[in-house]
N, C-alpha and C. Protein backbone atom coordinates (compact mmCIF):
# COMPACT_ATOMS: atom_id res chain seq x y z
N MET A 1 -25.63 9.90 -17.62
CA MET A 1 -24.42 10.59 -17.87
C MET A 1 -23.80 10.20 -19.18
N GLN A 2 -23.34 11.11 -19.96
CA GLN A 2 -22.66 10.81 -21.25
C GLN A 2 -21.27 10.35 -20.99
N ASP A 3 -20.65 9.67 -22.01
CA ASP A 3 -19.31 9.13 -21.87
C ASP A 3 -18.25 10.23 -21.65
N ASN A 4 -18.46 11.39 -22.24
CA ASN A 4 -17.42 12.43 -22.14
C ASN A 4 -17.63 13.37 -20.97
N GLU A 5 -18.58 13.12 -20.12
CA GLU A 5 -18.79 13.96 -18.96
C GLU A 5 -17.82 13.56 -17.84
N TYR A 6 -17.37 14.57 -17.13
CA TYR A 6 -16.46 14.33 -16.02
C TYR A 6 -17.29 13.96 -14.76
N ALA A 7 -16.88 12.91 -14.13
CA ALA A 7 -17.52 12.49 -12.85
C ALA A 7 -16.83 13.24 -11.71
N PRO A 8 -17.54 13.99 -10.92
CA PRO A 8 -16.94 14.75 -9.82
C PRO A 8 -16.32 13.77 -8.76
N PRO A 9 -15.30 14.18 -8.09
CA PRO A 9 -14.72 13.34 -7.04
C PRO A 9 -15.73 13.20 -5.90
N PRO A 10 -15.60 12.19 -5.06
CA PRO A 10 -16.45 11.99 -3.90
C PRO A 10 -16.53 13.27 -3.10
N SER A 11 -17.75 13.59 -2.62
CA SER A 11 -17.87 14.86 -1.95
C SER A 11 -18.16 14.75 -0.46
N SER A 12 -18.32 13.56 0.02
CA SER A 12 -18.55 13.44 1.49
C SER A 12 -17.41 12.57 2.11
N PRO A 13 -17.15 12.79 3.40
CA PRO A 13 -16.12 12.01 4.04
C PRO A 13 -16.34 10.52 3.96
N LYS A 14 -17.67 10.08 4.09
CA LYS A 14 -17.90 8.68 3.97
C LYS A 14 -17.62 8.11 2.60
N GLN A 15 -17.90 8.89 1.55
CA GLN A 15 -17.58 8.39 0.20
C GLN A 15 -16.08 8.34 0.01
N ILE A 16 -15.33 9.26 0.53
CA ILE A 16 -13.91 9.22 0.43
C ILE A 16 -13.30 7.97 1.16
N LEU A 17 -13.82 7.69 2.33
CA LEU A 17 -13.43 6.55 3.11
C LEU A 17 -13.73 5.26 2.34
N THR A 18 -14.91 5.20 1.76
CA THR A 18 -15.22 4.00 0.92
C THR A 18 -14.30 3.84 -0.30
N THR A 19 -13.98 4.96 -0.88
CA THR A 19 -13.03 4.90 -2.04
C THR A 19 -11.67 4.45 -1.56
N MET A 20 -11.18 4.91 -0.44
CA MET A 20 -9.92 4.44 0.10
C MET A 20 -9.91 2.98 0.39
N THR A 21 -11.05 2.50 0.96
CA THR A 21 -11.17 1.10 1.31
C THR A 21 -11.09 0.23 0.07
N ILE A 22 -11.79 0.70 -1.02
CA ILE A 22 -11.80 -0.06 -2.25
C ILE A 22 -10.33 -0.04 -2.88
N LEU A 23 -9.72 1.11 -2.88
CA LEU A 23 -8.35 1.18 -3.38
C LEU A 23 -7.40 0.24 -2.62
N HIS A 24 -7.53 0.25 -1.30
CA HIS A 24 -6.72 -0.65 -0.46
C HIS A 24 -6.97 -2.10 -0.85
N LEU A 25 -8.22 -2.48 -0.91
CA LEU A 25 -8.57 -3.85 -1.31
C LEU A 25 -8.02 -4.19 -2.66
N ALA A 26 -8.11 -3.34 -3.58
CA ALA A 26 -7.61 -3.63 -4.97
C ALA A 26 -6.10 -3.79 -4.97
N LEU A 27 -5.37 -2.87 -4.30
CA LEU A 27 -3.99 -2.95 -4.36
C LEU A 27 -3.47 -4.18 -3.59
N THR A 28 -4.01 -4.45 -2.42
CA THR A 28 -3.61 -5.57 -1.60
C THR A 28 -4.07 -6.88 -2.25
N GLY A 29 -5.26 -6.89 -2.70
CA GLY A 29 -5.78 -8.12 -3.37
C GLY A 29 -4.95 -8.46 -4.66
N GLY A 30 -4.58 -7.43 -5.44
CA GLY A 30 -3.80 -7.65 -6.62
C GLY A 30 -2.44 -8.24 -6.23
N THR A 31 -1.82 -7.71 -5.19
CA THR A 31 -0.54 -8.19 -4.80
C THR A 31 -0.65 -9.64 -4.28
N VAL A 32 -1.70 -10.00 -3.56
CA VAL A 32 -1.92 -11.38 -3.09
C VAL A 32 -2.00 -12.31 -4.33
N ILE A 33 -2.80 -11.86 -5.31
CA ILE A 33 -3.04 -12.72 -6.46
C ILE A 33 -1.72 -12.98 -7.26
N ILE A 34 -0.97 -11.84 -7.51
CA ILE A 34 0.27 -11.95 -8.24
C ILE A 34 1.25 -12.86 -7.47
N SER A 35 1.39 -12.62 -6.22
CA SER A 35 2.30 -13.40 -5.39
C SER A 35 1.95 -14.88 -5.39
N THR A 36 0.62 -15.13 -5.29
CA THR A 36 0.17 -16.57 -5.28
C THR A 36 0.50 -17.19 -6.60
N VAL A 37 0.27 -16.52 -7.73
CA VAL A 37 0.58 -17.08 -9.03
C VAL A 37 2.06 -17.39 -9.13
N PHE A 38 2.95 -16.45 -8.74
CA PHE A 38 4.37 -16.71 -8.78
C PHE A 38 4.75 -17.89 -7.82
N PHE A 39 4.18 -17.99 -6.74
CA PHE A 39 4.40 -19.10 -5.77
C PHE A 39 3.98 -20.42 -6.38
N MET A 40 2.83 -20.43 -7.05
CA MET A 40 2.35 -21.69 -7.60
C MET A 40 3.12 -22.15 -8.83
N LEU A 41 3.62 -21.20 -9.63
CA LEU A 41 4.33 -21.48 -10.90
C LEU A 41 5.79 -21.67 -10.67
N GLN A 42 6.37 -21.48 -9.50
CA GLN A 42 7.78 -21.55 -9.30
C GLN A 42 8.28 -22.95 -9.63
N GLN A 43 9.32 -23.00 -10.39
CA GLN A 43 9.96 -24.28 -10.77
C GLN A 43 11.36 -24.30 -10.15
N PRO A 44 11.99 -25.42 -10.24
CA PRO A 44 13.39 -25.45 -9.70
C PRO A 44 14.24 -24.33 -10.33
N PRO A 45 15.00 -23.65 -9.52
CA PRO A 45 15.68 -22.49 -10.07
C PRO A 45 16.63 -22.82 -11.18
N GLN A 46 16.76 -21.96 -12.15
CA GLN A 46 17.64 -22.12 -13.30
C GLN A 46 18.96 -21.39 -13.07
N LEU A 47 19.08 -20.68 -11.99
CA LEU A 47 20.25 -19.90 -11.64
C LEU A 47 21.21 -20.70 -10.79
N PRO A 48 22.51 -20.42 -10.86
CA PRO A 48 23.46 -21.13 -10.02
C PRO A 48 23.20 -20.73 -8.51
N GLU A 49 23.59 -21.63 -7.68
CA GLU A 49 23.41 -21.36 -6.22
C GLU A 49 24.21 -20.13 -5.75
N SER A 50 25.23 -19.78 -6.45
CA SER A 50 26.04 -18.68 -6.09
C SER A 50 25.35 -17.31 -6.37
N ALA A 51 24.14 -17.33 -6.92
CA ALA A 51 23.44 -16.05 -7.32
C ALA A 51 22.76 -15.49 -6.11
N GLN A 52 23.54 -15.26 -5.02
CA GLN A 52 23.01 -14.69 -3.77
C GLN A 52 22.73 -13.22 -3.92
N LEU A 53 23.28 -12.64 -5.00
CA LEU A 53 23.04 -11.17 -5.23
C LEU A 53 21.54 -10.83 -5.31
N PHE A 54 20.75 -11.79 -5.87
CA PHE A 54 19.33 -11.58 -5.97
C PHE A 54 18.69 -11.46 -4.58
N LEU A 55 19.19 -12.35 -3.68
CA LEU A 55 18.66 -12.30 -2.29
C LEU A 55 18.96 -10.96 -1.68
N VAL A 56 20.11 -10.45 -1.80
CA VAL A 56 20.54 -9.19 -1.20
C VAL A 56 19.70 -8.03 -1.78
N ILE A 57 19.56 -8.09 -3.12
CA ILE A 57 18.76 -6.97 -3.78
C ILE A 57 17.31 -7.06 -3.39
N ALA A 58 16.74 -8.26 -3.28
CA ALA A 58 15.35 -8.39 -2.95
C ALA A 58 15.11 -7.95 -1.48
N LEU A 59 15.95 -8.27 -0.57
CA LEU A 59 15.80 -7.90 0.80
C LEU A 59 15.97 -6.34 0.93
N ALA A 60 16.91 -5.77 0.18
CA ALA A 60 17.04 -4.36 0.21
C ALA A 60 15.84 -3.68 -0.35
N VAL A 61 15.19 -4.14 -1.41
CA VAL A 61 14.00 -3.62 -1.91
C VAL A 61 12.86 -3.74 -0.96
N CYS A 62 12.77 -4.89 -0.29
CA CYS A 62 11.76 -5.14 0.76
C CYS A 62 11.85 -4.15 1.83
N VAL A 63 13.01 -4.02 2.44
CA VAL A 63 13.22 -3.07 3.55
C VAL A 63 13.06 -1.60 3.07
N GLY A 64 13.58 -1.32 1.87
CA GLY A 64 13.50 0.03 1.30
C GLY A 64 12.06 0.39 1.08
N GLY A 65 11.24 -0.49 0.51
CA GLY A 65 9.82 -0.22 0.30
C GLY A 65 9.07 0.10 1.58
N ILE A 66 9.31 -0.69 2.63
CA ILE A 66 8.68 -0.49 3.91
C ILE A 66 9.11 0.87 4.52
N LEU A 67 10.43 1.13 4.52
CA LEU A 67 10.92 2.33 5.12
C LEU A 67 10.47 3.58 4.31
N ALA A 68 10.55 3.49 3.01
CA ALA A 68 10.12 4.64 2.15
C ALA A 68 8.63 4.92 2.33
N GLY A 69 7.84 3.90 2.36
CA GLY A 69 6.38 4.07 2.60
C GLY A 69 6.12 4.76 3.94
N ASN A 70 6.76 4.29 4.93
CA ASN A 70 6.50 4.87 6.27
C ASN A 70 7.06 6.31 6.36
N PHE A 71 8.22 6.52 5.79
CA PHE A 71 8.84 7.88 5.82
C PHE A 71 7.97 8.87 5.07
N ILE A 72 7.59 8.53 3.88
CA ILE A 72 6.75 9.49 3.09
C ILE A 72 5.42 9.64 3.76
N GLY A 73 4.82 8.57 4.18
CA GLY A 73 3.53 8.68 4.88
C GLY A 73 3.51 9.54 6.09
N ASN A 74 4.53 9.32 6.94
CA ASN A 74 4.62 10.10 8.19
C ASN A 74 4.98 11.57 7.88
N ALA A 75 5.79 11.80 6.86
CA ALA A 75 6.12 13.14 6.50
C ALA A 75 4.91 13.93 6.00
N GLN A 76 4.10 13.26 5.25
CA GLN A 76 2.87 13.90 4.66
C GLN A 76 1.83 14.14 5.73
N LEU A 77 1.78 13.27 6.79
CA LEU A 77 0.76 13.44 7.77
C LEU A 77 0.88 14.83 8.50
N GLY A 78 2.10 15.26 8.73
CA GLY A 78 2.26 16.60 9.34
C GLY A 78 1.65 17.72 8.48
N VAL A 79 1.87 17.61 7.16
CA VAL A 79 1.32 18.57 6.21
C VAL A 79 -0.24 18.48 6.19
N ILE A 80 -0.71 17.25 6.13
CA ILE A 80 -2.17 17.04 5.98
C ILE A 80 -2.88 17.57 7.25
N ARG A 81 -2.28 17.43 8.39
CA ARG A 81 -2.96 17.90 9.66
C ARG A 81 -3.19 19.38 9.64
N GLN A 82 -2.41 20.12 8.91
CA GLN A 82 -2.45 21.57 8.91
C GLN A 82 -3.63 22.07 7.99
N LYS A 83 -4.17 21.24 7.17
CA LYS A 83 -5.24 21.62 6.27
C LYS A 83 -6.48 21.98 7.08
N LYS A 84 -7.32 22.89 6.48
CA LYS A 84 -8.47 23.40 7.21
C LYS A 84 -9.68 22.48 7.19
N SER A 85 -10.08 22.06 6.00
CA SER A 85 -11.32 21.30 5.92
C SER A 85 -11.03 19.84 5.96
N LEU A 86 -12.07 19.11 6.39
CA LEU A 86 -11.96 17.64 6.54
C LEU A 86 -11.82 17.01 5.14
N LEU A 87 -12.55 17.55 4.13
CA LEU A 87 -12.45 16.97 2.78
C LEU A 87 -11.03 17.15 2.25
N GLU A 88 -10.44 18.27 2.47
CA GLU A 88 -9.06 18.48 2.01
C GLU A 88 -8.13 17.48 2.71
N LYS A 89 -8.27 17.33 4.02
CA LYS A 89 -7.44 16.38 4.76
C LYS A 89 -7.63 14.95 4.24
N LEU A 90 -8.90 14.56 3.95
CA LEU A 90 -9.12 13.22 3.49
C LEU A 90 -8.59 12.97 2.10
N ARG A 91 -8.76 13.93 1.24
CA ARG A 91 -8.18 13.77 -0.14
C ARG A 91 -6.65 13.66 -0.11
N ALA A 92 -6.02 14.44 0.71
CA ALA A 92 -4.55 14.38 0.83
C ALA A 92 -4.17 13.06 1.49
N TYR A 93 -4.91 12.61 2.47
CA TYR A 93 -4.64 11.34 3.09
C TYR A 93 -4.78 10.22 2.07
N GLN A 94 -5.77 10.28 1.23
CA GLN A 94 -6.01 9.31 0.24
C GLN A 94 -4.78 9.22 -0.75
N THR A 95 -4.31 10.37 -1.12
CA THR A 95 -3.14 10.41 -2.01
C THR A 95 -1.92 9.78 -1.31
N THR A 96 -1.73 10.13 -0.05
CA THR A 96 -0.60 9.55 0.71
C THR A 96 -0.75 8.04 0.80
N LEU A 97 -2.01 7.58 1.04
CA LEU A 97 -2.25 6.14 1.17
C LEU A 97 -1.90 5.41 -0.10
N ILE A 98 -2.24 6.00 -1.27
CA ILE A 98 -1.98 5.41 -2.57
C ILE A 98 -0.46 5.34 -2.77
N ILE A 99 0.26 6.38 -2.40
CA ILE A 99 1.72 6.37 -2.57
C ILE A 99 2.32 5.27 -1.70
N ARG A 100 1.90 5.23 -0.42
CA ARG A 100 2.43 4.27 0.52
C ARG A 100 2.17 2.82 0.03
N LEU A 101 0.93 2.57 -0.42
CA LEU A 101 0.58 1.26 -0.87
C LEU A 101 1.30 0.86 -2.16
N ALA A 102 1.49 1.85 -3.04
CA ALA A 102 2.17 1.60 -4.29
C ALA A 102 3.65 1.18 -4.05
N LEU A 103 4.31 1.86 -3.07
CA LEU A 103 5.68 1.49 -2.76
C LEU A 103 5.77 0.08 -2.20
N LEU A 104 4.76 -0.20 -1.35
CA LEU A 104 4.77 -1.58 -0.69
C LEU A 104 4.43 -2.64 -1.76
N GLU A 105 3.51 -2.27 -2.65
CA GLU A 105 3.10 -3.27 -3.69
C GLU A 105 4.22 -3.54 -4.65
N GLY A 106 4.93 -2.50 -5.07
CA GLY A 106 6.08 -2.67 -5.99
C GLY A 106 7.16 -3.56 -5.35
N SER A 107 7.41 -3.31 -4.07
CA SER A 107 8.45 -4.11 -3.33
C SER A 107 8.00 -5.56 -3.22
N ALA A 108 6.70 -5.81 -2.96
CA ALA A 108 6.19 -7.16 -2.79
C ALA A 108 6.24 -7.94 -4.10
N VAL A 109 5.84 -7.27 -5.16
CA VAL A 109 5.86 -7.87 -6.49
C VAL A 109 7.33 -8.21 -6.87
N PHE A 110 8.21 -7.26 -6.63
CA PHE A 110 9.61 -7.49 -6.94
C PHE A 110 10.14 -8.73 -6.25
N CYS A 111 9.81 -8.86 -4.91
CA CYS A 111 10.30 -10.01 -4.15
C CYS A 111 9.65 -11.28 -4.71
N ALA A 112 8.38 -11.24 -5.10
CA ALA A 112 7.73 -12.42 -5.64
C ALA A 112 8.40 -12.83 -6.95
N ILE A 113 8.78 -11.87 -7.74
CA ILE A 113 9.51 -12.18 -9.00
C ILE A 113 10.86 -12.84 -8.73
N ILE A 114 11.58 -12.28 -7.77
CA ILE A 114 12.89 -12.88 -7.42
C ILE A 114 12.69 -14.26 -6.81
N TYR A 115 11.61 -14.51 -6.07
CA TYR A 115 11.35 -15.85 -5.56
C TYR A 115 11.12 -16.74 -6.75
N PHE A 116 10.34 -16.30 -7.73
CA PHE A 116 10.01 -17.09 -8.90
C PHE A 116 11.27 -17.53 -9.66
N LEU A 117 12.23 -16.58 -9.71
CA LEU A 117 13.48 -16.84 -10.45
C LEU A 117 14.43 -17.72 -9.69
N THR A 118 14.53 -17.54 -8.37
CA THR A 118 15.54 -18.20 -7.59
C THR A 118 15.03 -19.39 -6.80
N GLY A 119 13.75 -19.37 -6.44
CA GLY A 119 13.24 -20.39 -5.56
C GLY A 119 13.59 -20.22 -4.12
N ASN A 120 14.13 -19.10 -3.74
CA ASN A 120 14.56 -18.83 -2.35
C ASN A 120 13.38 -18.41 -1.54
N ILE A 121 12.97 -19.29 -0.61
CA ILE A 121 11.77 -19.08 0.22
C ILE A 121 11.90 -17.83 1.09
N TYR A 122 13.10 -17.52 1.48
CA TYR A 122 13.32 -16.32 2.31
C TYR A 122 12.87 -15.03 1.57
N VAL A 123 13.09 -14.98 0.27
CA VAL A 123 12.66 -13.80 -0.49
C VAL A 123 11.15 -13.79 -0.51
N PHE A 124 10.49 -14.93 -0.59
CA PHE A 124 9.00 -14.94 -0.60
C PHE A 124 8.54 -14.52 0.84
N GLY A 125 9.35 -14.76 1.88
CA GLY A 125 8.99 -14.28 3.19
C GLY A 125 9.00 -12.78 3.24
N GLY A 126 9.78 -12.13 2.42
CA GLY A 126 9.74 -10.68 2.30
C GLY A 126 8.45 -10.18 1.73
N THR A 127 7.94 -10.96 0.73
CA THR A 127 6.61 -10.66 0.12
C THR A 127 5.58 -10.72 1.20
N ALA A 128 5.59 -11.80 1.99
CA ALA A 128 4.59 -11.95 3.05
C ALA A 128 4.71 -10.83 4.10
N LEU A 129 5.90 -10.44 4.47
CA LEU A 129 6.11 -9.35 5.39
C LEU A 129 5.49 -8.03 4.84
N ILE A 130 5.77 -7.79 3.57
CA ILE A 130 5.19 -6.54 2.98
C ILE A 130 3.63 -6.63 2.94
N LEU A 131 3.15 -7.76 2.65
CA LEU A 131 1.65 -7.92 2.67
C LEU A 131 1.08 -7.57 4.08
N ILE A 132 1.75 -8.01 5.03
CA ILE A 132 1.32 -7.66 6.42
C ILE A 132 1.30 -6.16 6.64
N PHE A 133 2.34 -5.49 6.13
CA PHE A 133 2.37 -4.01 6.25
C PHE A 133 1.26 -3.39 5.48
N MET A 134 0.93 -4.00 4.33
CA MET A 134 -0.16 -3.43 3.51
C MET A 134 -1.50 -3.62 4.28
N LEU A 135 -1.68 -4.77 4.93
CA LEU A 135 -2.94 -4.97 5.68
C LEU A 135 -2.99 -4.04 6.90
N LEU A 136 -1.86 -3.72 7.49
CA LEU A 136 -1.82 -2.77 8.59
C LEU A 136 -2.19 -1.40 8.22
N ASN A 137 -2.03 -1.09 6.93
CA ASN A 137 -2.37 0.28 6.38
C ASN A 137 -3.79 0.38 5.91
N ARG A 138 -4.62 -0.61 6.24
CA ARG A 138 -5.99 -0.54 5.81
C ARG A 138 -6.66 0.67 6.43
N PRO A 139 -7.35 1.48 5.56
CA PRO A 139 -7.97 2.66 6.07
C PRO A 139 -9.30 2.34 6.83
N SER A 140 -9.44 2.99 7.94
CA SER A 140 -10.69 2.89 8.71
C SER A 140 -10.94 4.20 9.37
N ALA A 141 -12.19 4.44 9.74
CA ALA A 141 -12.51 5.75 10.38
C ALA A 141 -11.65 5.99 11.64
N SER A 142 -11.46 4.97 12.44
CA SER A 142 -10.69 5.17 13.65
C SER A 142 -9.16 5.40 13.33
N LYS A 143 -8.64 4.67 12.38
CA LYS A 143 -7.23 4.86 12.01
C LYS A 143 -7.01 6.23 11.45
N ILE A 144 -7.89 6.72 10.57
CA ILE A 144 -7.79 8.01 9.93
C ILE A 144 -7.91 9.08 11.03
N SER A 145 -8.89 8.92 11.93
CA SER A 145 -9.07 9.88 12.99
C SER A 145 -7.79 10.04 13.84
N SER A 146 -7.20 8.88 14.10
CA SER A 146 -5.98 8.89 14.90
C SER A 146 -4.79 9.51 14.15
N ASP A 147 -4.65 9.06 12.93
CA ASP A 147 -3.48 9.56 12.13
C ASP A 147 -3.59 11.07 11.88
N LEU A 148 -4.78 11.58 11.63
CA LEU A 148 -4.95 13.01 11.35
C LEU A 148 -5.31 13.88 12.55
N GLU A 149 -5.40 13.23 13.70
CA GLU A 149 -5.79 13.88 14.92
C GLU A 149 -6.98 14.76 14.73
N LEU A 150 -8.08 14.10 14.30
CA LEU A 150 -9.34 14.86 14.01
C LEU A 150 -10.01 15.23 15.29
N ASN A 151 -10.71 16.37 15.26
CA ASN A 151 -11.48 16.79 16.46
C ASN A 151 -12.83 16.03 16.47
N ALA A 152 -13.60 16.23 17.49
CA ALA A 152 -14.85 15.45 17.67
C ALA A 152 -15.85 15.67 16.48
N SER A 153 -15.97 16.86 16.01
CA SER A 153 -16.93 17.11 14.95
C SER A 153 -16.48 16.45 13.66
N GLU A 154 -15.17 16.50 13.38
CA GLU A 154 -14.63 15.83 12.18
C GLU A 154 -14.81 14.36 12.24
N ARG A 155 -14.56 13.78 13.44
CA ARG A 155 -14.71 12.32 13.65
C ARG A 155 -16.17 11.95 13.43
N SER A 156 -17.11 12.69 13.90
CA SER A 156 -18.53 12.33 13.70
C SER A 156 -18.88 12.42 12.24
N GLU A 157 -18.29 13.36 11.45
CA GLU A 157 -18.61 13.46 10.03
C GLU A 157 -18.07 12.22 9.27
N LEU A 158 -16.90 11.70 9.76
CA LEU A 158 -16.28 10.58 9.07
C LEU A 158 -16.95 9.28 9.39
N GLU A 159 -17.49 9.14 10.61
CA GLU A 159 -18.07 7.86 11.06
C GLU A 159 -19.50 7.82 10.71
């Protein structure tokens, strides 16, 4: 294949599932690496103890990221279920998964940065909580079948 040729998107349900798994691993793994670096590099805070505003903002971002990801994801599931073909459903599900994980990743990295600046371990707990939510959003054939309410023939194509 030449450099300027377009590579077609995955054309089978199994390929799309594999792509989603790789995307999930990349986004979650990147968040773990960034959070670990910030945790290891954290020095005594340079900010005054009265800088509790950072804690409030970080916790609001943490909760907001989780709620926004779940709200958008659940809202899109209803639309995705109405699609006719399995490939259309899976491509739309993949897009929704990316949006959901991006919201979670952004919130986790923000909390890790605030931890790095303030040294407040509770903020880093927010990062850990978001990582748990990211892990719970790991795509699998059974989770996708359940989320999209696939029929038996669609499930067999996916698995």
